[in-house]
């Protein structure tokens, strides 16, 4: 679960986890990085954007300003569920790197603001279970 706090002067309309990560074959097309379920706060949609960077997207529905995260406010309930990684044999990416499941620690994120600008950051783990 993610808690998103808006430290900007404009409302947040979207939250993208993983965008900005350097191209990394270890996550590419790895089934354990495909969510079994994603949840969003009321008025928001959630979806996975599969590919080499394993993007996870939450976006306010219909650009509803009432549902956007207002300056100085925090919203939780951005949730992602990944399947349990039960591999017995390692999977290797095309470049020879061993495929791994995303842990979200220090993963970059991007927020889109109501004026179409964006801000970047890195996820800070508050309660991390490895």
Protein backbone atom coordinates (compact mmCIF):
# COMPACT_ATOMS: atom_id res chain seq x y z
CA UNK A 1 0.00 0.00 0.00
CA UNK A 2 1.22 3.49 -0.83
CA UNK A 3 0.50 6.70 1.06
CA UNK A 4 0.83 9.69 -1.24
CA UNK A 5 1.34 13.13 0.32
CA UNK A 6 1.03 16.17 -1.92
CA UNK A 7 3.82 18.61 -1.09
CA UNK A 8 3.21 20.72 -4.22
CA UNK A 9 0.98 23.76 -4.77
CA UNK A 10 -1.29 21.96 -7.29
CA UNK A 11 -3.62 18.95 -7.07
CA UNK A 12 -2.26 15.52 -8.09
CA UNK A 13 -4.19 13.76 -10.87
CA UNK A 14 -2.06 10.62 -11.44
CA UNK A 15 0.55 8.51 -9.69
CA UNK A 16 2.92 6.27 -11.68
CA UNK A 17 5.23 3.86 -9.86
CA UNK A 18 8.28 2.62 -11.78
CA UNK A 19 8.45 5.35 -14.42
CA UNK A 20 11.93 6.79 -14.49
CA UNK A 21 13.63 3.50 -13.63
CA UNK A 22 16.64 2.85 -15.81
CA UNK A 23 15.94 0.25 -18.48
CA UNK A 24 16.37 -3.02 -16.61
CA UNK A 25 15.90 -6.44 -18.21
CA UNK A 26 15.61 -8.12 -14.79
CA UNK A 27 11.97 -6.98 -14.51
CA UNK A 28 11.01 -7.35 -18.17
CA UNK A 29 8.15 -9.74 -18.93
CA UNK A 30 8.51 -11.43 -15.56
CA UNK A 31 5.14 -12.88 -14.48
CA UNK A 32 5.80 -12.22 -10.80
CA UNK A 33 5.77 -8.47 -11.57
CA UNK A 34 2.29 -8.67 -13.14
CA UNK A 35 -0.23 -7.70 -10.46
CA UNK A 36 -2.94 -10.13 -9.50
CA UNK A 37 -4.92 -7.11 -8.33
CA UNK A 38 -4.58 -3.35 -7.96
CA UNK A 39 -6.79 -1.07 -5.87
CA UNK A 40 -7.32 2.67 -5.92
CA UNK A 41 -8.97 5.25 -3.66
CA UNK A 42 -12.56 6.23 -4.49
CA UNK A 43 -12.67 8.19 -7.76
CA UNK A 44 -9.41 6.71 -9.08
CA UNK A 45 -8.57 3.90 -11.54
CA UNK A 46 -5.62 1.52 -11.27
CA UNK A 47 -3.84 -0.40 -14.02
CA UNK A 48 -0.54 -2.09 -14.76
CA UNK A 49 1.48 -1.00 -17.77
CA UNK A 50 3.54 -4.09 -18.58
CA UNK A 51 6.96 -3.83 -20.17
CA UNK A 52 10.58 -3.45 -19.36
CA UNK A 53 9.96 -0.93 -16.59
CA UNK A 54 6.92 -2.53 -14.90
CA UNK A 55 4.91 0.67 -14.58
CA UNK A 56 1.96 0.74 -12.23
CA UNK A 57 -0.53 3.57 -12.80
CA UNK A 58 -3.24 5.18 -10.68
CA UNK A 59 -5.23 7.98 -12.31
CA UNK A 60 -8.17 10.09 -11.16
CA UNK A 61 -11.34 9.27 -13.11
CA UNK A 62 -12.61 11.85 -15.60
CA UNK A 63 -10.05 14.41 -14.38
CA UNK A 64 -12.38 15.06 -11.40
CA UNK A 65 -10.75 17.88 -9.42
CA UNK A 66 -12.77 16.93 -6.33
CA UNK A 67 -11.04 13.51 -6.25
CA UNK A 68 -7.52 14.80 -6.93
CA UNK A 69 -5.07 14.90 -4.04
CA UNK A 70 -5.09 18.50 -2.91
CA UNK A 71 -1.97 20.40 -1.78
CA UNK A 72 -0.97 19.50 1.76
CA UNK A 73 -3.23 16.42 1.84
CA UNK A 74 -2.38 12.71 1.95
CA UNK A 75 -4.28 9.78 0.44
CA UNK A 76 -3.66 6.08 0.98
CA UNK A 77 -5.25 2.96 -0.46
CA UNK A 78 -3.09 2.85 -3.56
CA UNK A 79 -2.56 -0.91 -3.42
CA UNK A 80 -0.80 -3.47 -5.56
CA UNK A 81 -0.81 -7.22 -5.11
CA UNK A 82 1.90 -9.29 -6.80
CA UNK A 83 1.77 -13.08 -7.02
CA UNK A 84 4.03 -15.09 -4.76
CA UNK A 85 7.31 -15.89 -6.49
CA UNK A 86 7.49 -19.67 -6.14
CA UNK A 87 10.14 -20.39 -8.77
CA UNK A 88 12.41 -23.33 -8.14
CA UNK A 89 14.64 -22.52 -11.13
CA UNK A 90 15.86 -18.98 -11.90
CA UNK A 91 14.61 -17.19 -15.00
CA UNK A 92 17.14 -15.18 -17.00
CA UNK A 93 16.57 -12.06 -19.08
CA UNK A 94 17.92 -11.71 -22.64
CA UNK A 95 21.04 -9.96 -21.33
CA UNK A 96 21.79 -12.83 -18.91
CA UNK A 97 20.62 -11.06 -15.74
CA UNK A 98 18.48 -13.11 -13.38
CA UNK A 99 14.83 -11.99 -13.38
CA UNK A 100 13.65 -10.69 -10.01
CA UNK A 101 10.39 -9.65 -8.44
CA UNK A 102 9.92 -5.94 -7.77
CA UNK A 103 10.30 -4.96 -4.10
CA UNK A 104 9.36 -1.26 -4.56
CA UNK A 105 12.17 -0.13 -2.27
CA UNK A 106 13.78 3.02 -3.72
CA UNK A 107 11.71 2.66 -6.91
CA UNK A 108 11.10 5.95 -8.73
CA UNK A 109 7.65 7.40 -9.12
CA UNK A 110 6.08 10.28 -11.00
CA UNK A 111 3.03 12.34 -10.11
CA UNK A 112 1.06 14.32 -12.66
CA UNK A 113 -0.33 17.63 -11.49
CA UNK A 114 -3.58 19.29 -12.53
CA UNK A 115 -1.75 21.71 -14.86
CA UNK A 116 -0.19 18.75 -16.80
CA UNK A 117 3.22 19.25 -15.22
CA UNK A 118 4.88 16.42 -13.31
CA UNK A 119 7.13 15.80 -10.35
CA UNK A 120 9.50 12.87 -9.75
CA UNK A 121 10.58 11.14 -6.59
CA UNK A 122 11.72 7.87 -5.07
CA UNK A 123 9.54 5.65 -2.90
CA UNK A 124 10.52 5.76 0.75
CA UNK A 125 9.70 2.60 2.62
CA UNK A 126 8.04 3.11 6.00
CA UNK A 127 7.15 -0.51 6.77
CA UNK A 128 9.12 -2.76 4.44
CA UNK A 129 9.02 -6.54 4.62
CA UNK A 130 11.67 -8.26 2.52
